[in-house]
Structures are given as structure tokens and as C-alpha cells.
Amino acid sequence: MGDFKEDNVLFSNDNGEWKVSAIFDFSLSHFGDGEEDLSRICAMYINESNDTNLAREFINHYVKLSVPREGFIERSKLYTIRERLDIWSWAKNQNQVWCNKNMTLREWLELYLSIEI
């Protein structure tokens, strides 16, 4: 999807069980690995709390419900770099920098890449 996050999904409660019932905002959609979508929502959880606890819980729950393919951790780091690079580039181009303007991309990425699964 490219922009999978809580802001772009609707949930329904079917007999006490919450399920995704609709997804919208497909402007970034493309064919690819569905695991790639985990990066954006993890980044949002990190941004909410300025630590990795929520993101780690989300990923751990995802892994319990859907056993990932071999190489999941390595792929997730690459997907995170790509997703965050897109955000960094957009923010710099739009002058929407919400971190220290002197911070390097590498420094900014460190928190997002520090999730221990």
C-alpha cells in the first residue's frame, strides 16, 4: 500500500473481534512486499512515544499472528531505511523538518533502526 497506518484504515468489530474493514489513501500504492508497510506504522509509533516500545510490541504481535519469511529482520531494516528516506526527502524539500536541522540522516535513522525483535 505504501502508506499503511491507523489514519488510513477503518476497523469493524465483528462479534467482539476487531478487524480491518477498509483501507484508503492509495496514492503511494505499488506492487511489492506487504512487509514493507510495517515500516511506516512502526515509525509513527516511535514518533508518538519517542522510543521503540510501541513499535516493538506491534512487530512482536505481527510475528505471532503471521510467521514472517526468512530474513524478516534484515528486510525490515532495509524497508525502514527506504520509508524514512522518503519522509526525510519530502520534509527537506517542503521545509517541514521536525527534527534538529543540523541532524544528519544517519543520526535521525538510528532510533527507527534500533527496534529489537
N, C-alpha and C. Protein backbone atom coordinates (compact mmCIF):
# COMPACT_ATOMS: atom_id res chain seq x y z
N MET A 1 0.82 -1.20 0.00
CA MET A 1 0.00 0.00 0.00
C MET A 1 0.86 1.26 0.00
N GLY A 2 1.95 1.26 0.74
CA GLY A 2 2.83 2.39 0.75
C GLY A 2 2.56 3.41 1.85
N ASP A 3 1.35 3.42 2.39
CA ASP A 3 1.02 4.37 3.46
C ASP A 3 0.07 3.71 4.46
N PHE A 4 0.36 2.46 4.80
CA PHE A 4 -0.48 1.73 5.74
C PHE A 4 -0.21 2.25 7.15
N LYS A 5 -1.23 2.81 7.74
CA LYS A 5 -1.16 3.34 9.10
C LYS A 5 -2.58 3.48 9.62
N GLU A 6 -2.72 3.70 10.90
CA GLU A 6 -4.04 3.79 11.52
C GLU A 6 -4.90 4.88 10.90
N ASP A 7 -4.27 5.95 10.42
CA ASP A 7 -5.03 7.05 9.82
C ASP A 7 -5.70 6.65 8.50
N ASN A 8 -5.25 5.56 7.88
CA ASN A 8 -5.75 5.18 6.56
C ASN A 8 -6.50 3.85 6.55
N VAL A 9 -6.95 3.40 7.70
CA VAL A 9 -7.74 2.18 7.75
C VAL A 9 -8.96 2.38 8.64
N LEU A 10 -9.98 1.62 8.36
CA LEU A 10 -11.17 1.58 9.21
C LEU A 10 -11.27 0.19 9.80
N PHE A 11 -11.73 0.12 11.03
CA PHE A 11 -11.87 -1.15 11.72
C PHE A 11 -13.34 -1.40 12.01
N SER A 12 -13.72 -2.66 12.04
CA SER A 12 -15.07 -3.03 12.46
C SER A 12 -14.95 -4.08 13.56
N ASN A 13 -15.94 -4.12 14.40
CA ASN A 13 -15.97 -5.09 15.48
C ASN A 13 -17.01 -6.14 15.12
N ASP A 14 -16.53 -7.31 14.76
CA ASP A 14 -17.41 -8.42 14.39
C ASP A 14 -17.45 -9.42 15.53
N ASN A 15 -18.54 -9.41 16.30
CA ASN A 15 -18.73 -10.32 17.41
C ASN A 15 -17.57 -10.28 18.40
N GLY A 16 -17.13 -9.07 18.74
CA GLY A 16 -16.07 -8.90 19.73
C GLY A 16 -14.66 -8.99 19.18
N GLU A 17 -14.52 -9.21 17.88
CA GLU A 17 -13.19 -9.30 17.28
C GLU A 17 -13.00 -8.13 16.32
N TRP A 18 -11.94 -7.33 16.54
CA TRP A 18 -11.65 -6.19 15.70
C TRP A 18 -10.93 -6.64 14.44
N LYS A 19 -11.39 -6.14 13.30
CA LYS A 19 -10.80 -6.48 12.00
C LYS A 19 -10.69 -5.23 11.15
N VAL A 20 -9.68 -5.20 10.28
CA VAL A 20 -9.58 -4.13 9.30
C VAL A 20 -10.71 -4.33 8.31
N SER A 21 -11.55 -3.31 8.13
CA SER A 21 -12.68 -3.44 7.22
C SER A 21 -12.53 -2.62 5.95
N ALA A 22 -11.63 -1.62 5.98
CA ALA A 22 -11.42 -0.80 4.78
C ALA A 22 -10.05 -0.13 4.85
N ILE A 23 -9.44 0.02 3.70
CA ILE A 23 -8.17 0.73 3.57
C ILE A 23 -8.36 1.79 2.51
N PHE A 24 -7.86 2.99 2.76
CA PHE A 24 -7.98 4.06 1.77
C PHE A 24 -6.69 4.86 1.71
N ASP A 25 -6.62 5.80 0.79
CA ASP A 25 -5.44 6.62 0.50
C ASP A 25 -4.38 5.77 -0.18
N PHE A 26 -4.61 5.46 -1.42
CA PHE A 26 -3.72 4.61 -2.19
C PHE A 26 -2.74 5.40 -3.07
N SER A 27 -2.49 6.66 -2.73
CA SER A 27 -1.63 7.48 -3.59
C SER A 27 -0.20 6.97 -3.65
N LEU A 28 0.25 6.23 -2.65
CA LEU A 28 1.61 5.68 -2.65
C LEU A 28 1.62 4.19 -2.97
N SER A 29 0.49 3.64 -3.37
CA SER A 29 0.42 2.18 -3.56
C SER A 29 1.27 1.72 -4.73
N HIS A 30 1.76 0.49 -4.58
CA HIS A 30 2.59 -0.14 -5.60
C HIS A 30 2.62 -1.64 -5.32
N PHE A 31 3.05 -2.39 -6.30
CA PHE A 31 3.20 -3.82 -6.10
C PHE A 31 4.50 -4.07 -5.37
N GLY A 32 4.46 -4.92 -4.37
CA GLY A 32 5.68 -5.20 -3.61
C GLY A 32 5.38 -6.11 -2.44
N ASP A 33 6.28 -6.16 -1.54
CA ASP A 33 6.20 -7.00 -0.36
C ASP A 33 5.33 -6.31 0.70
N GLY A 34 4.31 -6.99 1.17
CA GLY A 34 3.42 -6.42 2.19
C GLY A 34 4.13 -6.08 3.49
N GLU A 35 5.25 -6.77 3.77
CA GLU A 35 6.00 -6.46 4.99
C GLU A 35 6.53 -5.03 4.97
N GLU A 36 6.69 -4.48 3.79
CA GLU A 36 7.19 -3.11 3.65
C GLU A 36 6.28 -2.11 4.37
N ASP A 37 4.99 -2.40 4.42
CA ASP A 37 4.03 -1.49 5.06
C ASP A 37 4.22 -1.39 6.57
N LEU A 38 4.91 -2.32 7.17
CA LEU A 38 5.11 -2.28 8.61
C LEU A 38 5.99 -1.09 9.03
N SER A 39 6.86 -0.66 8.15
CA SER A 39 7.82 0.40 8.47
C SER A 39 7.14 1.71 8.85
N ARG A 40 6.14 2.12 8.09
CA ARG A 40 5.51 3.41 8.35
C ARG A 40 4.78 3.41 9.69
N ILE A 41 4.03 2.37 9.97
CA ILE A 41 3.28 2.36 11.23
C ILE A 41 4.23 2.25 12.42
N CYS A 42 5.32 1.51 12.26
CA CYS A 42 6.32 1.47 13.35
C CYS A 42 6.92 2.84 13.58
N ALA A 43 7.22 3.55 12.51
CA ALA A 43 7.78 4.90 12.64
C ALA A 43 6.79 5.82 13.35
N MET A 44 5.52 5.68 13.06
CA MET A 44 4.52 6.52 13.72
C MET A 44 4.45 6.21 15.21
N TYR A 45 4.54 4.93 15.58
CA TYR A 45 4.54 4.58 17.00
C TYR A 45 5.78 5.14 17.69
N ILE A 46 6.91 5.10 17.01
CA ILE A 46 8.14 5.67 17.57
C ILE A 46 7.98 7.17 17.74
N ASN A 47 7.41 7.83 16.75
CA ASN A 47 7.21 9.28 16.84
C ASN A 47 6.28 9.66 17.98
N GLU A 48 5.26 8.84 18.23
CA GLU A 48 4.30 9.13 19.30
C GLU A 48 4.96 9.11 20.67
N SER A 49 5.89 8.19 20.88
CA SER A 49 6.43 7.98 22.21
C SER A 49 7.91 8.32 22.34
N ASN A 50 8.56 8.61 21.22
CA ASN A 50 10.00 8.89 21.17
C ASN A 50 10.83 7.73 21.70
N ASP A 51 10.28 6.54 21.64
CA ASP A 51 11.04 5.33 21.92
C ASP A 51 10.46 4.20 21.10
N THR A 52 11.02 3.03 21.22
CA THR A 52 10.63 1.92 20.34
C THR A 52 9.66 0.93 20.96
N ASN A 53 9.18 1.19 22.17
CA ASN A 53 8.33 0.20 22.85
C ASN A 53 7.06 -0.15 22.08
N LEU A 54 6.30 0.85 21.64
CA LEU A 54 5.06 0.57 20.90
C LEU A 54 5.34 -0.16 19.59
N ALA A 55 6.37 0.29 18.89
CA ALA A 55 6.73 -0.35 17.62
C ALA A 55 7.15 -1.80 17.85
N ARG A 56 7.93 -2.03 18.87
CA ARG A 56 8.37 -3.40 19.19
C ARG A 56 7.18 -4.30 19.51
N GLU A 57 6.24 -3.78 20.31
CA GLU A 57 5.03 -4.56 20.64
C GLU A 57 4.23 -4.88 19.38
N PHE A 58 4.10 -3.90 18.50
CA PHE A 58 3.37 -4.11 17.24
C PHE A 58 4.03 -5.21 16.41
N ILE A 59 5.33 -5.12 16.24
CA ILE A 59 6.06 -6.12 15.45
C ILE A 59 6.00 -7.49 16.10
N ASN A 60 6.17 -7.55 17.41
CA ASN A 60 6.11 -8.84 18.10
C ASN A 60 4.73 -9.49 17.94
N HIS A 61 3.68 -8.69 18.00
CA HIS A 61 2.33 -9.22 17.81
C HIS A 61 2.14 -9.67 16.35
N TYR A 62 2.64 -8.87 15.42
CA TYR A 62 2.56 -9.25 14.00
C TYR A 62 3.25 -10.60 13.77
N VAL A 63 4.43 -10.79 14.35
CA VAL A 63 5.19 -12.03 14.18
C VAL A 63 4.44 -13.22 14.77
N LYS A 64 3.71 -13.00 15.86
CA LYS A 64 2.92 -14.08 16.47
C LYS A 64 1.75 -14.48 15.57
N LEU A 65 1.14 -13.50 14.89
CA LEU A 65 -0.03 -13.78 14.06
C LEU A 65 0.33 -14.24 12.65
N SER A 66 1.47 -13.82 12.16
CA SER A 66 1.87 -14.13 10.80
C SER A 66 3.36 -14.43 10.78
N VAL A 67 3.71 -15.69 10.78
CA VAL A 67 5.12 -16.06 10.82
C VAL A 67 5.79 -15.51 9.57
N PRO A 68 6.76 -14.61 9.76
CA PRO A 68 7.40 -13.99 8.59
C PRO A 68 8.37 -14.95 7.89
N ARG A 69 8.65 -14.61 6.65
CA ARG A 69 9.61 -15.38 5.87
C ARG A 69 11.01 -15.18 6.43
N GLU A 70 11.90 -16.09 6.08
CA GLU A 70 13.29 -15.99 6.49
C GLU A 70 13.86 -14.64 6.01
N GLY A 71 14.67 -14.02 6.85
CA GLY A 71 15.28 -12.74 6.51
C GLY A 71 14.43 -11.54 6.87
N PHE A 72 13.37 -11.76 7.66
CA PHE A 72 12.45 -10.68 8.02
C PHE A 72 13.15 -9.49 8.65
N ILE A 73 14.03 -9.73 9.60
CA ILE A 73 14.68 -8.64 10.32
C ILE A 73 15.55 -7.81 9.38
N GLU A 74 16.31 -8.47 8.54
CA GLU A 74 17.17 -7.76 7.59
C GLU A 74 16.33 -6.95 6.60
N ARG A 75 15.25 -7.57 6.08
CA ARG A 75 14.37 -6.85 5.14
C ARG A 75 13.71 -5.66 5.82
N SER A 76 13.28 -5.85 7.06
CA SER A 76 12.57 -4.75 7.74
C SER A 76 13.49 -3.55 7.93
N LYS A 77 14.75 -3.77 8.17
CA LYS A 77 15.68 -2.64 8.30
C LYS A 77 15.84 -1.91 6.97
N LEU A 78 15.94 -2.65 5.88
CA LEU A 78 16.04 -2.02 4.56
C LEU A 78 14.76 -1.27 4.22
N TYR A 79 13.60 -1.87 4.53
CA TYR A 79 12.33 -1.20 4.27
C TYR A 79 12.22 0.08 5.11
N THR A 80 12.69 0.03 6.34
CA THR A 80 12.65 1.21 7.21
C THR A 80 13.53 2.32 6.64
N ILE A 81 14.70 1.97 6.18
CA ILE A 81 15.59 2.97 5.58
C ILE A 81 14.91 3.62 4.38
N ARG A 82 14.32 2.81 3.52
CA ARG A 82 13.66 3.36 2.33
C ARG A 82 12.48 4.26 2.70
N GLU A 83 11.65 3.81 3.61
CA GLU A 83 10.47 4.58 4.00
C GLU A 83 10.88 5.88 4.68
N ARG A 84 11.83 5.83 5.58
CA ARG A 84 12.28 7.02 6.28
C ARG A 84 13.01 7.97 5.33
N LEU A 85 13.73 7.43 4.35
CA LEU A 85 14.40 8.27 3.35
C LEU A 85 13.37 9.06 2.55
N ASP A 86 12.26 8.41 2.22
CA ASP A 86 11.17 9.12 1.52
C ASP A 86 10.65 10.26 2.38
N ILE A 87 10.44 10.03 3.66
CA ILE A 87 9.93 11.05 4.57
C ILE A 87 10.96 12.17 4.73
N TRP A 88 12.21 11.81 4.92
CA TRP A 88 13.30 12.79 5.08
C TRP A 88 13.36 13.70 3.86
N SER A 89 13.34 13.08 2.69
CA SER A 89 13.42 13.84 1.43
C SER A 89 12.23 14.78 1.29
N TRP A 90 11.03 14.28 1.54
CA TRP A 90 9.83 15.11 1.47
C TRP A 90 9.94 16.29 2.44
N ALA A 91 10.32 15.99 3.67
CA ALA A 91 10.40 17.03 4.70
C ALA A 91 11.42 18.10 4.34
N LYS A 92 12.57 17.68 3.86
CA LYS A 92 13.60 18.65 3.47
C LYS A 92 13.12 19.50 2.29
N ASN A 93 12.49 18.87 1.30
CA ASN A 93 12.00 19.61 0.13
C ASN A 93 10.87 20.57 0.47
N GLN A 94 10.07 20.24 1.46
CA GLN A 94 8.93 21.07 1.86
C GLN A 94 9.26 21.99 3.03
N ASN A 95 10.52 21.95 3.46
CA ASN A 95 10.95 22.71 4.63
C ASN A 95 10.09 22.37 5.85
N GLN A 96 9.77 21.10 5.99
CA GLN A 96 8.94 20.59 7.08
C GLN A 96 9.80 19.74 8.02
N VAL A 97 10.92 20.27 8.42
CA VAL A 97 11.84 19.50 9.24
C VAL A 97 11.41 19.58 10.70
N TRP A 98 11.08 18.46 11.31
CA TRP A 98 10.59 18.44 12.68
C TRP A 98 11.65 17.91 13.64
N CYS A 99 12.85 17.71 13.13
CA CYS A 99 13.97 17.34 14.00
C CYS A 99 15.02 18.44 13.89
N ASN A 100 16.08 18.31 14.65
CA ASN A 100 17.16 19.28 14.61
C ASN A 100 17.66 19.42 13.17
N LYS A 101 17.66 20.63 12.65
CA LYS A 101 18.05 20.86 11.25
C LYS A 101 19.49 20.47 10.98
N ASN A 102 20.32 20.40 12.00
CA ASN A 102 21.71 20.02 11.82
C ASN A 102 21.92 18.51 11.94
N MET A 103 20.86 17.79 12.27
CA MET A 103 20.95 16.34 12.42
C MET A 103 21.13 15.69 11.05
N THR A 104 22.02 14.74 10.99
CA THR A 104 22.22 14.02 9.74
C THR A 104 21.14 12.96 9.57
N LEU A 105 20.98 12.52 8.35
CA LEU A 105 20.04 11.43 8.08
C LEU A 105 20.39 10.21 8.91
N ARG A 106 21.64 9.88 8.98
CA ARG A 106 22.08 8.72 9.76
C ARG A 106 21.68 8.85 11.23
N GLU A 107 21.90 10.01 11.81
CA GLU A 107 21.53 10.23 13.21
C GLU A 107 20.02 10.10 13.40
N TRP A 108 19.27 10.65 12.48
CA TRP A 108 17.81 10.60 12.56
C TRP A 108 17.30 9.17 12.45
N LEU A 109 17.95 8.36 11.60
CA LEU A 109 17.52 6.98 11.38
C LEU A 109 17.80 6.05 12.55
N GLU A 110 18.76 6.39 13.38
CA GLU A 110 19.20 5.48 14.45
C GLU A 110 18.05 4.97 15.31
N LEU A 111 17.16 5.84 15.74
CA LEU A 111 16.05 5.41 16.60
C LEU A 111 15.14 4.43 15.86
N TYR A 112 14.85 4.71 14.60
CA TYR A 112 13.95 3.84 13.83
C TYR A 112 14.56 2.46 13.55
N LEU A 113 15.86 2.40 13.51
CA LEU A 113 16.54 1.14 13.22
C LEU A 113 16.93 0.37 14.49
N SER A 114 16.59 0.91 15.64
CA SER A 114 17.02 0.29 16.91
C SER A 114 15.98 -0.64 17.51
N ILE A 115 14.90 -0.94 16.81
CA ILE A 115 13.89 -1.86 17.34
C ILE A 115 14.49 -3.25 17.47
N GLU A 116 14.42 -3.81 18.66
CA GLU A 116 14.91 -5.16 18.89
C GLU A 116 13.73 -6.12 18.89
N ILE A 117 13.77 -7.06 17.97
CA ILE A 117 12.66 -8.01 17.82
C ILE A 117 13.05 -9.33 18.45
